[in-house]
């Protein structure tokens, strides 16, 4: 249930994504001994909390806008669907060091 399409929403989406990447980079620069996995997991935990908060149904059981997120299970499915899409679109999804990469 991604609400993108118009220029304003697309710009806000890009701004939010960029801000999160910059936050991770800034934390790593300020804490040279920090584990990047811990930082990334903390950022992801916060993003998941905000995403779930933003997808709370309105309370009207017949609301068409909320029909895709009217239960916790539906919200989880939507969250995982979006996460998979974003991951697969990422430049970092595949790595030359992946164990399933062919070697010659």
N, C-alpha and C. Protein backbone atom coordinates (compact mmCIF):
# COMPACT_ATOMS: atom_id res chain seq x y z
N UNK A 1 0.83 -1.18 0.00
CA UNK A 1 0.00 0.00 0.00
C UNK A 1 0.88 1.24 0.00
N UNK A 2 1.79 1.32 -0.93
CA UNK A 2 2.67 2.46 -1.04
C UNK A 2 1.93 3.59 -1.70
N UNK A 3 1.91 4.73 -1.07
CA UNK A 3 1.19 5.89 -1.60
C UNK A 3 2.16 6.83 -2.29
N UNK A 4 2.68 6.43 -3.43
CA UNK A 4 3.52 7.31 -4.21
C UNK A 4 2.83 7.54 -5.54
N UNK A 5 3.34 8.43 -6.30
CA UNK A 5 2.74 8.68 -7.59
C UNK A 5 2.80 10.14 -7.96
N UNK A 6 2.41 11.02 -7.05
CA UNK A 6 2.54 12.42 -7.43
C UNK A 6 3.91 12.93 -7.01
N UNK A 7 4.29 14.05 -7.60
CA UNK A 7 5.65 14.57 -7.41
C UNK A 7 5.96 14.90 -5.95
N UNK A 8 4.99 15.44 -5.24
CA UNK A 8 5.21 15.79 -3.83
C UNK A 8 5.48 14.54 -3.00
N UNK A 9 4.66 13.51 -3.16
CA UNK A 9 4.87 12.28 -2.41
C UNK A 9 6.18 11.61 -2.79
N UNK A 10 6.51 11.60 -4.08
CA UNK A 10 7.78 11.02 -4.51
C UNK A 10 8.96 11.77 -3.91
N UNK A 11 8.87 13.09 -3.86
CA UNK A 11 9.96 13.89 -3.29
C UNK A 11 10.09 13.63 -1.79
N UNK A 12 8.96 13.51 -1.08
CA UNK A 12 9.00 13.21 0.35
C UNK A 12 9.55 11.82 0.61
N UNK A 13 9.18 10.87 -0.22
CA UNK A 13 9.71 9.50 -0.12
C UNK A 13 11.23 9.54 -0.26
N UNK A 14 11.72 10.20 -1.30
CA UNK A 14 13.16 10.30 -1.54
C UNK A 14 13.86 11.02 -0.39
N UNK A 15 13.25 12.08 0.12
CA UNK A 15 13.83 12.84 1.22
C UNK A 15 13.95 11.98 2.47
N UNK A 16 12.91 11.21 2.78
CA UNK A 16 12.94 10.35 3.96
C UNK A 16 14.00 9.26 3.81
N UNK A 17 14.05 8.63 2.65
CA UNK A 17 15.04 7.57 2.43
C UNK A 17 16.46 8.10 2.53
N UNK A 18 16.70 9.26 1.93
CA UNK A 18 18.02 9.88 1.99
C UNK A 18 18.40 10.24 3.42
N UNK A 19 17.45 10.77 4.17
CA UNK A 19 17.72 11.16 5.56
C UNK A 19 18.12 9.96 6.41
N UNK A 20 17.51 8.81 6.17
CA UNK A 20 17.84 7.62 6.94
C UNK A 20 19.26 7.14 6.61
N UNK A 21 19.62 7.15 5.33
CA UNK A 21 20.97 6.76 4.93
C UNK A 21 21.98 7.72 5.55
N UNK A 22 21.69 9.01 5.49
CA UNK A 22 22.59 10.01 6.08
C UNK A 22 22.71 9.83 7.59
N UNK A 23 21.61 9.47 8.25
CA UNK A 23 21.65 9.20 9.69
C UNK A 23 22.60 8.05 9.99
N UNK A 24 22.47 6.96 9.24
CA UNK A 24 23.36 5.82 9.46
C UNK A 24 24.82 6.20 9.24
N UNK A 25 25.10 6.93 8.17
CA UNK A 25 26.48 7.37 7.90
C UNK A 25 26.99 8.28 9.01
N UNK A 26 26.15 9.21 9.48
CA UNK A 26 26.56 10.12 10.53
C UNK A 26 26.87 9.37 11.83
N UNK A 27 26.03 8.42 12.19
CA UNK A 27 26.28 7.64 13.41
C UNK A 27 27.59 6.89 13.30
N UNK A 28 27.84 6.29 12.13
CA UNK A 28 29.08 5.54 11.95
C UNK A 28 30.30 6.47 11.99
N UNK A 29 30.18 7.68 11.45
CA UNK A 29 31.29 8.64 11.49
C UNK A 29 31.56 9.11 12.91
N UNK A 30 30.51 9.29 13.71
CA UNK A 30 30.65 9.77 15.08
C UNK A 30 31.12 8.67 16.03
N UNK A 31 30.87 7.43 15.67
CA UNK A 31 31.21 6.29 16.53
C UNK A 31 31.99 5.27 15.68
N UNK A 32 33.27 5.54 15.52
CA UNK A 32 34.11 4.74 14.63
C UNK A 32 34.15 3.26 15.02
N UNK A 33 33.96 2.97 16.30
CA UNK A 33 34.03 1.57 16.74
C UNK A 33 32.65 0.90 16.75
N UNK A 34 31.62 1.58 16.30
CA UNK A 34 30.28 1.02 16.28
C UNK A 34 30.18 -0.11 15.27
N UNK A 35 29.38 -1.09 15.59
CA UNK A 35 29.12 -2.20 14.68
C UNK A 35 28.05 -1.75 13.68
N UNK A 36 28.37 -1.71 12.38
CA UNK A 36 27.38 -1.25 11.40
C UNK A 36 26.09 -2.07 11.42
N UNK A 37 26.19 -3.35 11.76
CA UNK A 37 24.98 -4.18 11.82
C UNK A 37 24.06 -3.68 12.95
N UNK A 38 24.65 -3.31 14.10
CA UNK A 38 23.84 -2.80 15.22
C UNK A 38 23.18 -1.48 14.84
N UNK A 39 23.93 -0.61 14.20
CA UNK A 39 23.38 0.68 13.77
C UNK A 39 22.25 0.45 12.77
N UNK A 40 22.49 -0.39 11.78
CA UNK A 40 21.48 -0.66 10.76
C UNK A 40 20.23 -1.30 11.37
N UNK A 41 20.43 -2.22 12.31
CA UNK A 41 19.28 -2.87 12.95
C UNK A 41 18.48 -1.88 13.79
N UNK A 42 19.17 -0.95 14.44
CA UNK A 42 18.47 0.07 15.21
C UNK A 42 17.66 1.00 14.31
N UNK A 43 18.24 1.37 13.18
CA UNK A 43 17.53 2.22 12.22
C UNK A 43 16.32 1.47 11.68
N UNK A 44 16.51 0.20 11.35
CA UNK A 44 15.40 -0.61 10.83
C UNK A 44 14.30 -0.74 11.88
N UNK A 45 14.67 -0.97 13.14
CA UNK A 45 13.67 -1.09 14.21
C UNK A 45 12.84 0.18 14.32
N UNK A 46 13.49 1.32 14.25
CA UNK A 46 12.76 2.59 14.30
C UNK A 46 11.87 2.77 13.09
N UNK A 47 12.37 2.41 11.91
CA UNK A 47 11.58 2.54 10.68
C UNK A 47 10.36 1.62 10.73
N UNK A 48 10.53 0.41 11.23
CA UNK A 48 9.40 -0.52 11.35
C UNK A 48 8.35 0.05 12.31
N UNK A 49 8.79 0.59 13.45
CA UNK A 49 7.85 1.18 14.40
C UNK A 49 7.05 2.30 13.74
N UNK A 50 7.73 3.18 13.03
CA UNK A 50 7.04 4.29 12.38
C UNK A 50 6.11 3.79 11.28
N UNK A 51 6.55 2.81 10.50
CA UNK A 51 5.73 2.25 9.44
C UNK A 51 4.46 1.65 10.02
N UNK A 52 4.59 0.85 11.09
CA UNK A 52 3.42 0.23 11.72
C UNK A 52 2.48 1.30 12.30
N UNK A 53 3.05 2.32 12.91
CA UNK A 53 2.25 3.43 13.44
C UNK A 53 1.45 4.10 12.32
N UNK A 54 2.12 4.30 11.18
CA UNK A 54 1.47 5.00 10.07
C UNK A 54 0.38 4.17 9.40
N UNK A 55 0.37 2.87 9.63
CA UNK A 55 -0.60 1.98 8.97
C UNK A 55 -1.70 1.52 9.91
N UNK A 56 -1.89 2.19 11.03
CA UNK A 56 -2.97 1.81 11.94
C UNK A 56 -4.31 2.07 11.26
N UNK A 57 -5.22 1.09 11.30
CA UNK A 57 -6.53 1.31 10.69
C UNK A 57 -7.31 2.38 11.45
N UNK A 58 -8.20 3.03 10.73
CA UNK A 58 -8.92 4.19 11.30
C UNK A 58 -9.99 3.81 12.32
N UNK A 59 -10.41 2.57 12.34
CA UNK A 59 -11.44 2.17 13.28
C UNK A 59 -12.77 1.87 12.61
N UNK A 60 -12.94 2.31 11.38
CA UNK A 60 -14.15 2.01 10.62
C UNK A 60 -13.95 0.67 9.93
N UNK A 61 -14.68 -0.37 10.35
CA UNK A 61 -14.45 -1.70 9.77
C UNK A 61 -14.78 -1.77 8.28
N UNK A 62 -15.46 -0.78 7.74
CA UNK A 62 -15.82 -0.77 6.32
C UNK A 62 -14.98 0.20 5.49
N UNK A 63 -13.95 0.77 6.09
CA UNK A 63 -13.11 1.74 5.40
C UNK A 63 -12.30 1.05 4.31
N UNK A 64 -12.50 1.48 3.08
CA UNK A 64 -11.78 0.88 1.96
C UNK A 64 -10.30 1.20 1.99
N UNK A 65 -9.93 2.39 2.46
CA UNK A 65 -8.52 2.78 2.52
C UNK A 65 -7.73 1.92 3.50
N UNK A 66 -8.39 1.42 4.51
CA UNK A 66 -7.71 0.63 5.54
C UNK A 66 -7.85 -0.88 5.32
N UNK A 67 -8.55 -1.29 4.29
CA UNK A 67 -8.86 -2.71 4.11
C UNK A 67 -7.61 -3.59 4.01
N UNK A 68 -6.53 -3.07 3.45
CA UNK A 68 -5.30 -3.87 3.30
C UNK A 68 -4.50 -3.97 4.58
N UNK A 69 -4.84 -3.17 5.59
CA UNK A 69 -4.06 -3.15 6.84
C UNK A 69 -4.96 -3.25 8.07
N UNK A 70 -6.11 -3.89 7.92
CA UNK A 70 -7.08 -3.89 9.02
C UNK A 70 -6.78 -4.92 10.10
N UNK A 71 -5.77 -5.77 9.91
CA UNK A 71 -5.34 -6.70 10.95
C UNK A 71 -3.82 -6.66 11.05
N UNK A 72 -3.31 -7.13 12.17
CA UNK A 72 -1.85 -7.16 12.37
C UNK A 72 -1.20 -8.04 11.30
N UNK A 73 -1.83 -9.17 10.96
CA UNK A 73 -1.28 -10.06 9.95
C UNK A 73 -1.22 -9.38 8.58
N UNK A 74 -2.26 -8.62 8.24
CA UNK A 74 -2.24 -7.90 6.96
C UNK A 74 -1.16 -6.83 6.94
N UNK A 75 -1.00 -6.12 8.06
CA UNK A 75 0.05 -5.11 8.13
C UNK A 75 1.42 -5.75 7.96
N UNK A 76 1.63 -6.89 8.59
CA UNK A 76 2.91 -7.58 8.48
C UNK A 76 3.16 -8.01 7.04
N UNK A 77 2.15 -8.52 6.36
CA UNK A 77 2.31 -8.91 4.96
C UNK A 77 2.70 -7.71 4.09
N UNK A 78 2.04 -6.58 4.31
CA UNK A 78 2.34 -5.37 3.54
C UNK A 78 3.75 -4.88 3.84
N UNK A 79 4.14 -4.92 5.12
CA UNK A 79 5.48 -4.50 5.51
C UNK A 79 6.54 -5.37 4.84
N UNK A 80 6.37 -6.67 4.91
CA UNK A 80 7.34 -7.58 4.30
C UNK A 80 7.37 -7.42 2.78
N UNK A 81 6.22 -7.18 2.17
CA UNK A 81 6.16 -6.97 0.72
C UNK A 81 6.97 -5.72 0.34
N UNK A 82 6.75 -4.63 1.06
CA UNK A 82 7.50 -3.40 0.77
C UNK A 82 8.99 -3.59 1.02
N UNK A 83 9.34 -4.24 2.12
CA UNK A 83 10.76 -4.45 2.43
C UNK A 83 11.43 -5.27 1.34
N UNK A 84 10.76 -6.31 0.85
CA UNK A 84 11.33 -7.13 -0.22
C UNK A 84 11.53 -6.30 -1.47
N UNK A 85 10.53 -5.49 -1.84
CA UNK A 85 10.64 -4.65 -3.03
C UNK A 85 11.81 -3.68 -2.91
N UNK A 86 11.93 -3.02 -1.76
CA UNK A 86 13.01 -2.05 -1.58
C UNK A 86 14.36 -2.74 -1.59
N UNK A 87 14.44 -3.90 -0.96
CA UNK A 87 15.71 -4.64 -0.94
C UNK A 87 16.12 -5.05 -2.34
N UNK A 88 15.18 -5.61 -3.10
CA UNK A 88 15.51 -6.08 -4.44
C UNK A 88 15.86 -4.94 -5.39
N UNK A 89 15.36 -3.74 -5.13
CA UNK A 89 15.69 -2.57 -5.94
C UNK A 89 17.02 -1.93 -5.55
N UNK A 90 17.57 -2.33 -4.41
CA UNK A 90 18.79 -1.73 -3.88
C UNK A 90 20.02 -2.12 -4.69
N UNK A 91 20.95 -1.20 -4.82
CA UNK A 91 22.24 -1.49 -5.44
C UNK A 91 23.03 -2.50 -4.61
N UNK A 92 22.68 -2.64 -3.34
CA UNK A 92 23.43 -3.51 -2.44
C UNK A 92 22.79 -4.88 -2.27
N UNK A 93 21.71 -5.15 -3.00
CA UNK A 93 21.01 -6.44 -2.86
C UNK A 93 21.93 -7.60 -3.20
N UNK A 94 22.61 -7.51 -4.32
CA UNK A 94 23.57 -8.55 -4.71
C UNK A 94 24.98 -8.05 -4.41
N UNK A 95 25.83 -8.96 -4.02
CA UNK A 95 27.22 -8.64 -3.74
C UNK A 95 28.11 -9.61 -4.50
N UNK A 96 29.24 -9.14 -4.92
CA UNK A 96 30.20 -10.03 -5.58
C UNK A 96 30.70 -11.10 -4.62
N UNK A 97 30.47 -10.89 -3.32
CA UNK A 97 30.91 -11.84 -2.31
C UNK A 97 29.81 -12.79 -1.87
N UNK A 98 28.63 -12.73 -2.49
CA UNK A 98 27.56 -13.67 -2.17
C UNK A 98 28.06 -15.09 -2.40
N UNK A 99 27.64 -16.00 -1.54
CA UNK A 99 28.12 -17.38 -1.66
C UNK A 99 27.59 -18.10 -2.90
N UNK A 100 26.55 -17.57 -3.51
CA UNK A 100 26.00 -18.23 -4.69
C UNK A 100 26.44 -17.58 -6.00
N UNK A 101 27.47 -16.74 -5.94
CA UNK A 101 28.00 -16.10 -7.14
C UNK A 101 28.99 -17.07 -7.79
N UNK A 102 28.86 -17.23 -9.11
CA UNK A 102 29.77 -18.11 -9.83
C UNK A 102 31.20 -17.59 -9.80
N UNK A 103 32.14 -18.50 -9.78
CA UNK A 103 33.55 -18.14 -9.79
C UNK A 103 34.21 -18.86 -10.96
N UNK A 104 35.04 -18.15 -11.68
CA UNK A 104 35.74 -18.78 -12.81
C UNK A 104 37.20 -18.98 -12.49
